[in-house]
PDBML (XML) file of the C-alpha atoms, coordinates in Angstrom:
<?xml version="1.0" encoding="UTF-8" ?>
<PDBx:datablock datablockName="MODEL"
   xmlns:PDBx="http://pdbml.pdb.org/schema/pdbx-v50.xsd"
   xmlns:xsi="http://www.w3.org/2001/XMLSchema-instance"
   xsi:schemaLocation="http://pdbml.pdb.org/schema/pdbx-v50.xsd pdbx-v50.xsd">
   <PDBx:atom_siteCategory>
      <PDBx:atom_site id="1">
         <PDBx:B_iso_or_equiv>0.00</PDBx:B_iso_or_equiv>
         <PDBx:Cartn_x>67.174</PDBx:Cartn_x>
         <PDBx:Cartn_y>87.932</PDBx:Cartn_y>
         <PDBx:Cartn_z>79.797</PDBx:Cartn_z>
         <PDBx:auth_asym_id>A</PDBx:auth_asym_id>
         <PDBx:auth_atom_id>CA</PDBx:auth_atom_id>
         <PDBx:auth_comp_id>SER</PDBx:auth_comp_id>
         <PDBx:auth_seq_id>1</PDBx:auth_seq_id>
         <PDBx:group_PDB>ATOM</PDBx:group_PDB>
         <PDBx:label_alt_id xsi:nil="true" />
         <PDBx:label_asym_id>A</PDBx:label_asym_id>
         <PDBx:label_atom_id>CA</PDBx:label_atom_id>
         <PDBx:label_comp_id>SER</PDBx:label_comp_id>
         <PDBx:label_entity_id>1</PDBx:label_entity_id>
         <PDBx:label_seq_id>1</PDBx:label_seq_id>
         <PDBx:occupancy>1.00</PDBx:occupancy>
         <PDBx:pdbx_PDB_model_num>1</PDBx:pdbx_PDB_model_num>
         <PDBx:type_symbol>C</PDBx:type_symbol>
      </PDBx:atom_site>
      <PDBx:atom_site id="2">
         <PDBx:B_iso_or_equiv>0.00</PDBx:B_iso_or_equiv>
         <PDBx:Cartn_x>65.084</PDBx:Cartn_x>
         <PDBx:Cartn_y>90.995</PDBx:Cartn_y>
         <PDBx:Cartn_z>80.601</PDBx:Cartn_z>
         <PDBx:auth_asym_id>A</PDBx:auth_asym_id>
         <PDBx:auth_atom_id>CA</PDBx:auth_atom_id>
         <PDBx:auth_comp_id>SER</PDBx:auth_comp_id>
         <PDBx:auth_seq_id>2</PDBx:auth_seq_id>
         <PDBx:group_PDB>ATOM</PDBx:group_PDB>
         <PDBx:label_alt_id xsi:nil="true" />
         <PDBx:label_asym_id>A</PDBx:label_asym_id>
         <PDBx:label_atom_id>CA</PDBx:label_atom_id>
         <PDBx:label_comp_id>SER</PDBx:label_comp_id>
         <PDBx:label_entity_id>1</PDBx:label_entity_id>
         <PDBx:label_seq_id>2</PDBx:label_seq_id>
         <PDBx:occupancy>1.00</PDBx:occupancy>
         <PDBx:pdbx_PDB_model_num>1</PDBx:pdbx_PDB_model_num>
         <PDBx:type_symbol>C</PDBx:type_symbol>
      </PDBx:atom_site>
      <PDBx:atom_site id="3">
         <PDBx:B_iso_or_equiv>0.00</PDBx:B_iso_or_equiv>
         <PDBx:Cartn_x>67.123</PDBx:Cartn_x>
         <PDBx:Cartn_y>94.208</PDBx:Cartn_y>
         <PDBx:Cartn_z>80.645</PDBx:Cartn_z>
         <PDBx:auth_asym_id>A</PDBx:auth_asym_id>
         <PDBx:auth_atom_id>CA</PDBx:auth_atom_id>
         <PDBx:auth_comp_id>LEU</PDBx:auth_comp_id>
         <PDBx:auth_seq_id>3</PDBx:auth_seq_id>
         <PDBx:group_PDB>ATOM</PDBx:group_PDB>
         <PDBx:label_alt_id xsi:nil="true" />
         <PDBx:label_asym_id>A</PDBx:label_asym_id>
         <PDBx:label_atom_id>CA</PDBx:label_atom_id>
         <PDBx:label_comp_id>LEU</PDBx:label_comp_id>
         <PDBx:label_entity_id>1</PDBx:label_entity_id>
         <PDBx:label_seq_id>3</PDBx:label_seq_id>
         <PDBx:occupancy>1.00</PDBx:occupancy>
         <PDBx:pdbx_PDB_model_num>1</PDBx:pdbx_PDB_model_num>
         <PDBx:type_symbol>C</PDBx:type_symbol>
      </PDBx:atom_site>
      <PDBx:atom_site id="4">
         <PDBx:B_iso_or_equiv>0.00</PDBx:B_iso_or_equiv>
         <PDBx:Cartn_x>67.714</PDBx:Cartn_x>
         <PDBx:Cartn_y>95.993</PDBx:Cartn_y>
         <PDBx:Cartn_z>83.952</PDBx:Cartn_z>
         <PDBx:auth_asym_id>A</PDBx:auth_asym_id>
         <PDBx:auth_atom_id>CA</PDBx:auth_atom_id>
         <PDBx:auth_comp_id>HIS</PDBx:auth_comp_id>
         <PDBx:auth_seq_id>4</PDBx:auth_seq_id>
         <PDBx:group_PDB>ATOM</PDBx:group_PDB>
         <PDBx:label_alt_id xsi:nil="true" />
         <PDBx:label_asym_id>A</PDBx:label_asym_id>
         <PDBx:label_atom_id>CA</PDBx:label_atom_id>
         <PDBx:label_comp_id>HIS</PDBx:label_comp_id>
         <PDBx:label_entity_id>1</PDBx:label_entity_id>
         <PDBx:label_seq_id>4</PDBx:label_seq_id>
         <PDBx:occupancy>1.00</PDBx:occupancy>
         <PDBx:pdbx_PDB_model_num>1</PDBx:pdbx_PDB_model_num>
         <PDBx:type_symbol>C</PDBx:type_symbol>
      </PDBx:atom_site>
      <PDBx:atom_site id="5">
         <PDBx:B_iso_or_equiv>0.00</PDBx:B_iso_or_equiv>
         <PDBx:Cartn_x>69.399</PDBx:Cartn_x>
         <PDBx:Cartn_y>99.207</PDBx:Cartn_y>
         <PDBx:Cartn_z>85.018</PDBx:Cartn_z>
         <PDBx:auth_asym_id>A</PDBx:auth_asym_id>
         <PDBx:auth_atom_id>CA</PDBx:auth_atom_id>
         <PDBx:auth_comp_id>LYS</PDBx:auth_comp_id>
         <PDBx:auth_seq_id>5</PDBx:auth_seq_id>
         <PDBx:group_PDB>ATOM</PDBx:group_PDB>
         <PDBx:label_alt_id xsi:nil="true" />
         <PDBx:label_asym_id>A</PDBx:label_asym_id>
         <PDBx:label_atom_id>CA</PDBx:label_atom_id>
         <PDBx:label_comp_id>LYS</PDBx:label_comp_id>
         <PDBx:label_entity_id>1</PDBx:label_entity_id>
         <PDBx:label_seq_id>5</PDBx:label_seq_id>
         <PDBx:occupancy>1.00</PDBx:occupancy>
         <PDBx:pdbx_PDB_model_num>1</PDBx:pdbx_PDB_model_num>
         <PDBx:type_symbol>C</PDBx:type_symbol>
      </PDBx:atom_site>
      <PDBx:atom_site id="6">
         <PDBx:B_iso_or_equiv>0.00</PDBx:B_iso_or_equiv>
         <PDBx:Cartn_x>73.165</PDBx:Cartn_x>
         <PDBx:Cartn_y>99.098</PDBx:Cartn_y>
         <PDBx:Cartn_z>84.463</PDBx:Cartn_z>
         <PDBx:auth_asym_id>A</PDBx:auth_asym_id>
         <PDBx:auth_atom_id>CA</PDBx:auth_atom_id>
         <PDBx:auth_comp_id>LYS</PDBx:auth_comp_id>
         <PDBx:auth_seq_id>6</PDBx:auth_seq_id>
         <PDBx:group_PDB>ATOM</PDBx:group_PDB>
         <PDBx:label_alt_id xsi:nil="true" />
         <PDBx:label_asym_id>A</PDBx:label_asym_id>
         <PDBx:label_atom_id>CA</PDBx:label_atom_id>
         <PDBx:label_comp_id>LYS</PDBx:label_comp_id>
         <PDBx:label_entity_id>1</PDBx:label_entity_id>
         <PDBx:label_seq_id>6</PDBx:label_seq_id>
         <PDBx:occupancy>1.00</PDBx:occupancy>
         <PDBx:pdbx_PDB_model_num>1</PDBx:pdbx_PDB_model_num>
         <PDBx:type_symbol>C</PDBx:type_symbol>
      </PDBx:atom_site>
      <PDBx:atom_site id="7">
         <PDBx:B_iso_or_equiv>0.00</PDBx:B_iso_or_equiv>
         <PDBx:Cartn_x>75.173</PDBx:Cartn_x>
         <PDBx:Cartn_y>98.541</PDBx:Cartn_y>
         <PDBx:Cartn_z>87.635</PDBx:Cartn_z>
         <PDBx:auth_asym_id>A</PDBx:auth_asym_id>
         <PDBx:auth_atom_id>CA</PDBx:auth_atom_id>
         <PDBx:auth_comp_id>LEU</PDBx:auth_comp_id>
         <PDBx:auth_seq_id>7</PDBx:auth_seq_id>
         <PDBx:group_PDB>ATOM</PDBx:group_PDB>
         <PDBx:label_alt_id xsi:nil="true" />
         <PDBx:label_asym_id>A</PDBx:label_asym_id>
         <PDBx:label_atom_id>CA</PDBx:label_atom_id>
         <PDBx:label_comp_id>LEU</PDBx:label_comp_id>
         <PDBx:label_entity_id>1</PDBx:label_entity_id>
         <PDBx:label_seq_id>7</PDBx:label_seq_id>
         <PDBx:occupancy>1.00</PDBx:occupancy>
         <PDBx:pdbx_PDB_model_num>1</PDBx:pdbx_PDB_model_num>
         <PDBx:type_symbol>C</PDBx:type_symbol>
      </PDBx:atom_site>
      <PDBx:atom_site id="8">
         <PDBx:B_iso_or_equiv>0.00</PDBx:B_iso_or_equiv>
         <PDBx:Cartn_x>77.509</PDBx:Cartn_x>
         <PDBx:Cartn_y>101.389</PDBx:Cartn_y>
         <PDBx:Cartn_z>88.609</PDBx:Cartn_z>
         <PDBx:auth_asym_id>A</PDBx:auth_asym_id>
         <PDBx:auth_atom_id>CA</PDBx:auth_atom_id>
         <PDBx:auth_comp_id>GLU</PDBx:auth_comp_id>
         <PDBx:auth_seq_id>8</PDBx:auth_seq_id>
         <PDBx:group_PDB>ATOM</PDBx:group_PDB>
         <PDBx:label_alt_id xsi:nil="true" />
         <PDBx:label_asym_id>A</PDBx:label_asym_id>
         <PDBx:label_atom_id>CA</PDBx:label_atom_id>
         <PDBx:label_comp_id>GLU</PDBx:label_comp_id>
         <PDBx:label_entity_id>1</PDBx:label_entity_id>
         <PDBx:label_seq_id>8</PDBx:label_seq_id>
         <PDBx:occupancy>1.00</PDBx:occupancy>
         <PDBx:pdbx_PDB_model_num>1</PDBx:pdbx_PDB_model_num>
         <PDBx:type_symbol>C</PDBx:type_symbol>
      </PDBx:atom_site>
      <PDBx:atom_site id="9">
         <PDBx:B_iso_or_equiv>0.00</PDBx:B_iso_or_equiv>
         <PDBx:Cartn_x>80.478</PDBx:Cartn_x>
         <PDBx:Cartn_y>99.005</PDBx:Cartn_y>
         <PDBx:Cartn_z>88.579</PDBx:Cartn_z>
         <PDBx:auth_asym_id>A</PDBx:auth_asym_id>
         <PDBx:auth_atom_id>CA</PDBx:auth_atom_id>
         <PDBx:auth_comp_id>CYS</PDBx:auth_comp_id>
         <PDBx:auth_seq_id>9</PDBx:auth_seq_id>
         <PDBx:group_PDB>ATOM</PDBx:group_PDB>
         <PDBx:label_alt_id xsi:nil="true" />
         <PDBx:label_asym_id>A</PDBx:label_asym_id>
         <PDBx:label_atom_id>CA</PDBx:label_atom_id>
         <PDBx:label_comp_id>CYS</PDBx:label_comp_id>
         <PDBx:label_entity_id>1</PDBx:label_entity_id>
         <PDBx:label_seq_id>9</PDBx:label_seq_id>
         <PDBx:occupancy>1.00</PDBx:occupancy>
         <PDBx:pdbx_PDB_model_num>1</PDBx:pdbx_PDB_model_num>
         <PDBx:type_symbol>C</PDBx:type_symbol>
      </PDBx:atom_site>
      <PDBx:atom_site id="10">
         <PDBx:B_iso_or_equiv>0.00</PDBx:B_iso_or_equiv>
         <PDBx:Cartn_x>79.886</PDBx:Cartn_x>
         <PDBx:Cartn_y>98.221</PDBx:Cartn_y>
         <PDBx:Cartn_z>84.889</PDBx:Cartn_z>
         <PDBx:auth_asym_id>A</PDBx:auth_asym_id>
         <PDBx:auth_atom_id>CA</PDBx:auth_atom_id>
         <PDBx:auth_comp_id>ASN</PDBx:auth_comp_id>
         <PDBx:auth_seq_id>10</PDBx:auth_seq_id>
         <PDBx:group_PDB>ATOM</PDBx:group_PDB>
         <PDBx:label_alt_id xsi:nil="true" />
         <PDBx:label_asym_id>A</PDBx:label_asym_id>
         <PDBx:label_atom_id>CA</PDBx:label_atom_id>
         <PDBx:label_comp_id>ASN</PDBx:label_comp_id>
         <PDBx:label_entity_id>1</PDBx:label_entity_id>
         <PDBx:label_seq_id>10</PDBx:label_seq_id>
         <PDBx:occupancy>1.00</PDBx:occupancy>
         <PDBx:pdbx_PDB_model_num>1</PDBx:pdbx_PDB_model_num>
         <PDBx:type_symbol>C</PDBx:type_symbol>
      </PDBx:atom_site>
      <PDBx:atom_site id="11">
         <PDBx:B_iso_or_equiv>0.00</PDBx:B_iso_or_equiv>
         <PDBx:Cartn_x>80.802</PDBx:Cartn_x>
         <PDBx:Cartn_y>100.446</PDBx:Cartn_y>
         <PDBx:Cartn_z>81.955</PDBx:Cartn_z>
         <PDBx:auth_asym_id>A</PDBx:auth_asym_id>
         <PDBx:auth_atom_id>CA</PDBx:auth_atom_id>
         <PDBx:auth_comp_id>SER</PDBx:auth_comp_id>
         <PDBx:auth_seq_id>11</PDBx:auth_seq_id>
         <PDBx:group_PDB>ATOM</PDBx:group_PDB>
         <PDBx:label_alt_id xsi:nil="true" />
         <PDBx:label_asym_id>A</PDBx:label_asym_id>
         <PDBx:label_atom_id>CA</PDBx:label_atom_id>
         <PDBx:label_comp_id>SER</PDBx:label_comp_id>
         <PDBx:label_entity_id>1</PDBx:label_entity_id>
         <PDBx:label_seq_id>11</PDBx:label_seq_id>
         <PDBx:occupancy>1.00</PDBx:occupancy>
         <PDBx:pdbx_PDB_model_num>1</PDBx:pdbx_PDB_model_num>
         <PDBx:type_symbol>C</PDBx:type_symbol>
      </PDBx:atom_site>
      <PDBx:atom_site id="12">
         <PDBx:B_iso_or_equiv>0.00</PDBx:B_iso_or_equiv>
         <PDBx:Cartn_x>79.154</PDBx:Cartn_x>
         <PDBx:Cartn_y>98.274</PDBx:Cartn_y>
         <PDBx:Cartn_z>79.272</PDBx:Cartn_z>
         <PDBx:auth_asym_id>A</PDBx:auth_asym_id>
         <PDBx:auth_atom_id>CA</PDBx:auth_atom_id>
         <PDBx:auth_comp_id>ARG</PDBx:auth_comp_id>
         <PDBx:auth_seq_id>12</PDBx:auth_seq_id>
         <PDBx:group_PDB>ATOM</PDBx:group_PDB>
         <PDBx:label_alt_id xsi:nil="true" />
         <PDBx:label_asym_id>A</PDBx:label_asym_id>
         <PDBx:label_atom_id>CA</PDBx:label_atom_id>
         <PDBx:label_comp_id>ARG</PDBx:label_comp_id>
         <PDBx:label_entity_id>1</PDBx:label_entity_id>
         <PDBx:label_seq_id>12</PDBx:label_seq_id>
         <PDBx:occupancy>1.00</PDBx:occupancy>
         <PDBx:pdbx_PDB_model_num>1</PDBx:pdbx_PDB_model_num>
         <PDBx:type_symbol>C</PDBx:type_symbol>
      </PDBx:atom_site>
      <PDBx:atom_site id="13">
         <PDBx:B_iso_or_equiv>0.00</PDBx:B_iso_or_equiv>
         <PDBx:Cartn_x>75.428</PDBx:Cartn_x>
         <PDBx:Cartn_y>98.554</PDBx:Cartn_y>
         <PDBx:Cartn_z>78.691</PDBx:Cartn_z>
         <PDBx:auth_asym_id>A</PDBx:auth_asym_id>
         <PDBx:auth_atom_id>CA</PDBx:auth_atom_id>
         <PDBx:auth_comp_id>GLN</PDBx:auth_comp_id>
         <PDBx:auth_seq_id>13</PDBx:auth_seq_id>
         <PDBx:group_PDB>ATOM</PDBx:group_PDB>
         <PDBx:label_alt_id xsi:nil="true" />
         <PDBx:label_asym_id>A</PDBx:label_asym_id>
         <PDBx:label_atom_id>CA</PDBx:label_atom_id>
         <PDBx:label_comp_id>GLN</PDBx:label_comp_id>
         <PDBx:label_entity_id>1</PDBx:label_entity_id>
         <PDBx:label_seq_id>13</PDBx:label_seq_id>
         <PDBx:occupancy>1.00</PDBx:occupancy>
         <PDBx:pdbx_PDB_model_num>1</PDBx:pdbx_PDB_model_num>
         <PDBx:type_symbol>C</PDBx:type_symbol>
      </PDBx:atom_site>
      <PDBx:atom_site id="14">
         <PDBx:B_iso_or_equiv>0.00</PDBx:B_iso_or_equiv>
         <PDBx:Cartn_x>72.979</PDBx:Cartn_x>
         <PDBx:Cartn_y>95.729</PDBx:Cartn_y>
         <PDBx:Cartn_z>79.525</PDBx:Cartn_z>
         <PDBx:auth_asym_id>A</PDBx:auth_asym_id>
         <PDBx:auth_atom_id>CA</PDBx:auth_atom_id>
         <PDBx:auth_comp_id>PRO</PDBx:auth_comp_id>
         <PDBx:auth_seq_id>14</PDBx:auth_seq_id>
         <PDBx:group_PDB>ATOM</PDBx:group_PDB>
         <PDBx:label_alt_id xsi:nil="true" />
         <PDBx:label_asym_id>A</PDBx:label_asym_id>
         <PDBx:label_atom_id>CA</PDBx:label_atom_id>
         <PDBx:label_comp_id>PRO</PDBx:label_comp_id>
         <PDBx:label_entity_id>1</PDBx:label_entity_id>
         <PDBx:label_seq_id>14</PDBx:label_seq_id>
         <PDBx:occupancy>1.00</PDBx:occupancy>
         <PDBx:pdbx_PDB_model_num>1</PDBx:pdbx_PDB_model_num>
         <PDBx:type_symbol>C</PDBx:type_symbol>
      </PDBx:atom_site>
      <PDBx:atom_site id="15">
         <PDBx:B_iso_or_equiv>0.00</PDBx:B_iso_or_equiv>
         <PDBx:Cartn_x>72.047</PDBx:Cartn_x>
         <PDBx:Cartn_y>93.243</PDBx:Cartn_y>
         <PDBx:Cartn_z>76.819</PDBx:Cartn_z>
         <PDBx:auth_asym_id>A</PDBx:auth_asym_id>
         <PDBx:auth_atom_id>CA</PDBx:auth_atom_id>
         <PDBx:auth_comp_id>ASP</PDBx:auth_comp_id>
         <PDBx:auth_seq_id>15</PDBx:auth_seq_id>
         <PDBx:group_PDB>ATOM</PDBx:group_PDB>
         <PDBx:label_alt_id xsi:nil="true" />
         <PDBx:label_asym_id>A</PDBx:label_asym_id>
         <PDBx:label_atom_id>CA</PDBx:label_atom_id>
         <PDBx:label_comp_id>ASP</PDBx:label_comp_id>
         <PDBx:label_entity_id>1</PDBx:label_entity_id>
         <PDBx:label_seq_id>15</PDBx:label_seq_id>
         <PDBx:occupancy>1.00</PDBx:occupancy>
         <PDBx:pdbx_PDB_model_num>1</PDBx:pdbx_PDB_model_num>
         <PDBx:type_symbol>C</PDBx:type_symbol>
      </PDBx:atom_site>
      <PDBx:atom_site id="16">
         <PDBx:B_iso_or_equiv>0.00</PDBx:B_iso_or_equiv>
         <PDBx:Cartn_x>70.061</PDBx:Cartn_x>
         <PDBx:Cartn_y>90.013</PDBx:Cartn_y>
         <PDBx:Cartn_z>76.655</PDBx:Cartn_z>
         <PDBx:auth_asym_id>A</PDBx:auth_asym_id>
         <PDBx:auth_atom_id>CA</PDBx:auth_atom_id>
         <PDBx:auth_comp_id>ARG</PDBx:auth_comp_id>
         <PDBx:auth_seq_id>16</PDBx:auth_seq_id>
         <PDBx:group_PDB>ATOM</PDBx:group_PDB>
         <PDBx:label_alt_id xsi:nil="true" />
         <PDBx:label_asym_id>A</PDBx:label_asym_id>
         <PDBx:label_atom_id>CA</PDBx:label_atom_id>
         <PDBx:label_comp_id>ARG</PDBx:label_comp_id>
         <PDBx:label_entity_id>1</PDBx:label_entity_id>
         <PDBx:label_seq_id>16</PDBx:label_seq_id>
         <PDBx:occupancy>1.00</PDBx:occupancy>
         <PDBx:pdbx_PDB_model_num>1</PDBx:pdbx_PDB_model_num>
         <PDBx:type_symbol>C</PDBx:type_symbol>
      </PDBx:atom_site>
      <PDBx:atom_site id="17">
         <PDBx:B_iso_or_equiv>0.00</PDBx:B_iso_or_equiv>
         <PDBx:Cartn_x>73.111</PDBx:Cartn_x>
         <PDBx:Cartn_y>88.006</PDBx:Cartn_y>
         <PDBx:Cartn_z>77.750</PDBx:Cartn_z>
         <PDBx:auth_asym_id>A</PDBx:auth_asym_id>
         <PDBx:auth_atom_id>CA</PDBx:auth_atom_id>
         <PDBx:auth_comp_id>TRP</PDBx:auth_comp_id>
         <PDBx:auth_seq_id>17</PDBx:auth_seq_id>
         <PDBx:group_PDB>ATOM</PDBx:group_PDB>
         <PDBx:label_alt_id xsi:nil="true" />
         <PDBx:label_asym_id>A</PDBx:label_asym_id>
         <PDBx:label_atom_id>CA</PDBx:label_atom_id>
         <PDBx:label_comp_id>TRP</PDBx:label_comp_id>
         <PDBx:label_entity_id>1</PDBx:label_entity_id>
         <PDBx:label_seq_id>17</PDBx:label_seq_id>
         <PDBx:occupancy>1.00</PDBx:occupancy>
         <PDBx:pdbx_PDB_model_num>1</PDBx:pdbx_PDB_model_num>
         <PDBx:type_symbol>C</PDBx:type_symbol>
      </PDBx:atom_site>
      <PDBx:atom_site id="18">
         <PDBx:B_iso_or_equiv>0.00</PDBx:B_iso_or_equiv>
         <PDBx:Cartn_x>74.242</PDBx:Cartn_x>
         <PDBx:Cartn_y>90.433</PDBx:Cartn_y>
         <PDBx:Cartn_z>80.455</PDBx:Cartn_z>
         <PDBx:auth_asym_id>A</PDBx:auth_asym_id>
         <PDBx:auth_atom_id>CA</PDBx:auth_atom_id>
         <PDBx:auth_comp_id>ASN</PDBx:auth_comp_id>
         <PDBx:auth_seq_id>18</PDBx:auth_seq_id>
         <PDBx:group_PDB>ATOM</PDBx:group_PDB>
         <PDBx:label_alt_id xsi:nil="true" />
         <PDBx:label_asym_id>A</PDBx:label_asym_id>
         <PDBx:label_atom_id>CA</PDBx:label_atom_id>
         <PDBx:label_comp_id>ASN</PDBx:label_comp_id>
         <PDBx:label_entity_id>1</PDBx:label_entity_id>
         <PDBx:label_seq_id>18</PDBx:label_seq_id>
         <PDBx:occupancy>1.00</PDBx:occupancy>
         <PDBx:pdbx_PDB_model_num>1</PDBx:pdbx_PDB_model_num>
         <PDBx:type_symbol>C</PDBx:type_symbol>
      </PDBx:atom_site>
      <PDBx:atom_site id="19">
         <PDBx:B_iso_or_equiv>0.00</PDBx:B_iso_or_equiv>
         <PDBx:Cartn_x>71.075</PDBx:Cartn_x>
         <PDBx:Cartn_y>91.987</PDBx:Cartn_y>
         <PDBx:Cartn_z>81.888</PDBx:Cartn_z>
         <PDBx:auth_asym_id>A</PDBx:auth_asym_id>
         <PDBx:auth_atom_id>CA</PDBx:auth_atom_id>
         <PDBx:auth_comp_id>PRO</PDBx:auth_comp_id>
         <PDBx:auth_seq_id>19</PDBx:auth_seq_id>
         <PDBx:group_PDB>ATOM</PDBx:group_PDB>
         <PDBx:label_alt_id xsi:nil="true" />
         <PDBx:label_asym_id>A</PDBx:label_asym_id>
         <PDBx:label_atom_id>CA</PDBx:label_atom_id>
         <PDBx:label_comp_id>PRO</PDBx:label_comp_id>
         <PDBx:label_entity_id>1</PDBx:label_entity_id>
         <PDBx:label_seq_id>19</PDBx:label_seq_id>
         <PDBx:occupancy>1.00</PDBx:occupancy>
         <PDBx:pdbx_PDB_model_num>1</PDBx:pdbx_PDB_model_num>
         <PDBx:type_symbol>C</PDBx:type_symbol>
      </PDBx:atom_site>
      <PDBx:atom_site id="20">
         <PDBx:B_iso_or_equiv>0.00</PDBx:B_iso_or_equiv>
         <PDBx:Cartn_x>72.884</PDBx:Cartn_x>
         <PDBx:Cartn_y>94.336</PDBx:Cartn_y>
         <PDBx:Cartn_z>84.297</PDBx:Cartn_z>
         <PDBx:auth_asym_id>A</PDBx:auth_asym_id>
         <PDBx:auth_atom_id>CA</PDBx:auth_atom_id>
         <PDBx:auth_comp_id>PHE</PDBx:auth_comp_id>
         <PDBx:auth_seq_id>20</PDBx:auth_seq_id>
         <PDBx:group_PDB>ATOM</PDBx:group_PDB>
         <PDBx:label_alt_id xsi:nil="true" />
         <PDBx:label_asym_id>A</PDBx:label_asym_id>
         <PDBx:label_atom_id>CA</PDBx:label_atom_id>
         <PDBx:label_comp_id>PHE</PDBx:label_comp_id>
         <PDBx:label_entity_id>1</PDBx:label_entity_id>
         <PDBx:label_seq_id>20</PDBx:label_seq_id>
         <PDBx:occupancy>1.00</PDBx:occupancy>
         <PDBx:pdbx_PDB_model_num>1</PDBx:pdbx_PDB_model_num>
         <PDBx:type_symbol>C</PDBx:type_symbol>
      </PDBx:atom_site>
      <PDBx:atom_site id="21">
         <PDBx:B_iso_or_equiv>0.00</PDBx:B_iso_or_equiv>
         <PDBx:Cartn_x>75.725</PDBx:Cartn_x>
         <PDBx:Cartn_y>95.291</PDBx:Cartn_y>
         <PDBx:Cartn_z>81.943</PDBx:Cartn_z>
         <PDBx:auth_asym_id>A</PDBx:auth_asym_id>
         <PDBx:auth_atom_id>CA</PDBx:auth_atom_id>
         <PDBx:auth_comp_id>GLY</PDBx:auth_comp_id>
         <PDBx:auth_seq_id>21</PDBx:auth_seq_id>
         <PDBx:group_PDB>ATOM</PDBx:group_PDB>
         <PDBx:label_alt_id xsi:nil="true" />
         <PDBx:label_asym_id>A</PDBx:label_asym_id>
         <PDBx:label_atom_id>CA</PDBx:label_atom_id>
         <PDBx:label_comp_id>GLY</PDBx:label_comp_id>
         <PDBx:label_entity_id>1</PDBx:label_entity_id>
         <PDBx:label_seq_id>21</PDBx:label_seq_id>
         <PDBx:occupancy>1.00</PDBx:occupancy>
         <PDBx:pdbx_PDB_model_num>1</PDBx:pdbx_PDB_model_num>
         <PDBx:type_symbol>C</PDBx:type_symbol>
      </PDBx:atom_site>
      <PDBx:atom_site id="22">
         <PDBx:B_iso_or_equiv>0.00</PDBx:B_iso_or_equiv>
         <PDBx:Cartn_x>79.275</PDBx:Cartn_x>
         <PDBx:Cartn_y>94.004</PDBx:Cartn_y>
         <PDBx:Cartn_z>82.120</PDBx:Cartn_z>
         <PDBx:auth_asym_id>A</PDBx:auth_asym_id>
         <PDBx:auth_atom_id>CA</PDBx:auth_atom_id>
         <PDBx:auth_comp_id>TYR</PDBx:auth_comp_id>
         <PDBx:auth_seq_id>22</PDBx:auth_seq_id>
         <PDBx:group_PDB>ATOM</PDBx:group_PDB>
         <PDBx:label_alt_id xsi:nil="true" />
         <PDBx:label_asym_id>A</PDBx:label_asym_id>
         <PDBx:label_atom_id>CA</PDBx:label_atom_id>
         <PDBx:label_comp_id>TYR</PDBx:label_comp_id>
         <PDBx:label_entity_id>1</PDBx:label_entity_id>
         <PDBx:label_seq_id>22</PDBx:label_seq_id>
         <PDBx:occupancy>1.00</PDBx:occupancy>
         <PDBx:pdbx_PDB_model_num>1</PDBx:pdbx_PDB_model_num>
         <PDBx:type_symbol>C</PDBx:type_symbol>
      </PDBx:atom_site>
      <PDBx:atom_site id="23">
         <PDBx:B_iso_or_equiv>0.00</PDBx:B_iso_or_equiv>
         <PDBx:Cartn_x>82.880</PDBx:Cartn_x>
         <PDBx:Cartn_y>95.072</PDBx:Cartn_y>
         <PDBx:Cartn_z>82.629</PDBx:Cartn_z>
         <PDBx:auth_asym_id>A</PDBx:auth_asym_id>
         <PDBx:auth_atom_id>CA</PDBx:auth_atom_id>
         <PDBx:auth_comp_id>GLU</PDBx:auth_comp_id>
         <PDBx:auth_seq_id>23</PDBx:auth_seq_id>
         <PDBx:group_PDB>ATOM</PDBx:group_PDB>
         <PDBx:label_alt_id xsi:nil="true" />
         <PDBx:label_asym_id>A</PDBx:label_asym_id>
         <PDBx:label_atom_id>CA</PDBx:label_atom_id>
         <PDBx:label_comp_id>GLU</PDBx:label_comp_id>
         <PDBx:label_entity_id>1</PDBx:label_entity_id>
         <PDBx:label_seq_id>23</PDBx:label_seq_id>
         <PDBx:occupancy>1.00</PDBx:occupancy>
         <PDBx:pdbx_PDB_model_num>1</PDBx:pdbx_PDB_model_num>
         <PDBx:type_symbol>C</PDBx:type_symbol>
      </PDBx:atom_site>
      <PDBx:atom_site id="24">
         <PDBx:B_iso_or_equiv>0.00</PDBx:B_iso_or_equiv>
         <PDBx:Cartn_x>86.308</PDBx:Cartn_x>
         <PDBx:Cartn_y>94.054</PDBx:Cartn_y>
         <PDBx:Cartn_z>81.321</PDBx:Cartn_z>
         <PDBx:auth_asym_id>A</PDBx:auth_asym_id>
         <PDBx:auth_atom_id>CA</PDBx:auth_atom_id>
         <PDBx:auth_comp_id>ILE</PDBx:auth_comp_id>
         <PDBx:auth_seq_id>24</PDBx:auth_seq_id>
         <PDBx:group_PDB>ATOM</PDBx:group_PDB>
         <PDBx:label_alt_id xsi:nil="true" />
         <PDBx:label_asym_id>A</PDBx:label_asym_id>
         <PDBx:label_atom_id>CA</PDBx:label_atom_id>
         <PDBx:label_comp_id>ILE</PDBx:label_comp_id>
         <PDBx:label_entity_id>1</PDBx:label_entity_id>
         <PDBx:label_seq_id>24</PDBx:label_seq_id>
         <PDBx:occupancy>1.00</PDBx:occupancy>
         <PDBx:pdbx_PDB_model_num>1</PDBx:pdbx_PDB_model_num>
         <PDBx:type_symbol>C</PDBx:type_symbol>
      </PDBx:atom_site>
      <PDBx:atom_site id="25">
         <PDBx:B_iso_or_equiv>0.00</PDBx:B_iso_or_equiv>
         <PDBx:Cartn_x>88.270</PDBx:Cartn_x>
         <PDBx:Cartn_y>92.607</PDBx:Cartn_y>
         <PDBx:Cartn_z>84.226</PDBx:Cartn_z>
         <PDBx:auth_asym_id>A</PDBx:auth_asym_id>
         <PDBx:auth_atom_id>CA</PDBx:auth_atom_id>
         <PDBx:auth_comp_id>CYS</PDBx:auth_comp_id>
         <PDBx:auth_seq_id>25</PDBx:auth_seq_id>
         <PDBx:group_PDB>ATOM</PDBx:group_PDB>
         <PDBx:label_alt_id xsi:nil="true" />
         <PDBx:label_asym_id>A</PDBx:label_asym_id>
         <PDBx:label_atom_id>CA</PDBx:label_atom_id>
         <PDBx:label_comp_id>CYS</PDBx:label_comp_id>
         <PDBx:label_entity_id>1</PDBx:label_entity_id>
         <PDBx:label_seq_id>25</PDBx:label_seq_id>
         <PDBx:occupancy>1.00</PDBx:occupancy>
         <PDBx:pdbx_PDB_model_num>1</PDBx:pdbx_PDB_model_num>
         <PDBx:type_symbol>C</PDBx:type_symbol>
      </PDBx:atom_site>
   </PDBx:atom_siteCategory>
</PDBx:datablock>
């Protein structure tokens, strides 16, 4: 995936598997 700006709801930075970042739920 292409990297995009991290979403405000996510604390983890974007990577090639999670292009908008990710969060522990």
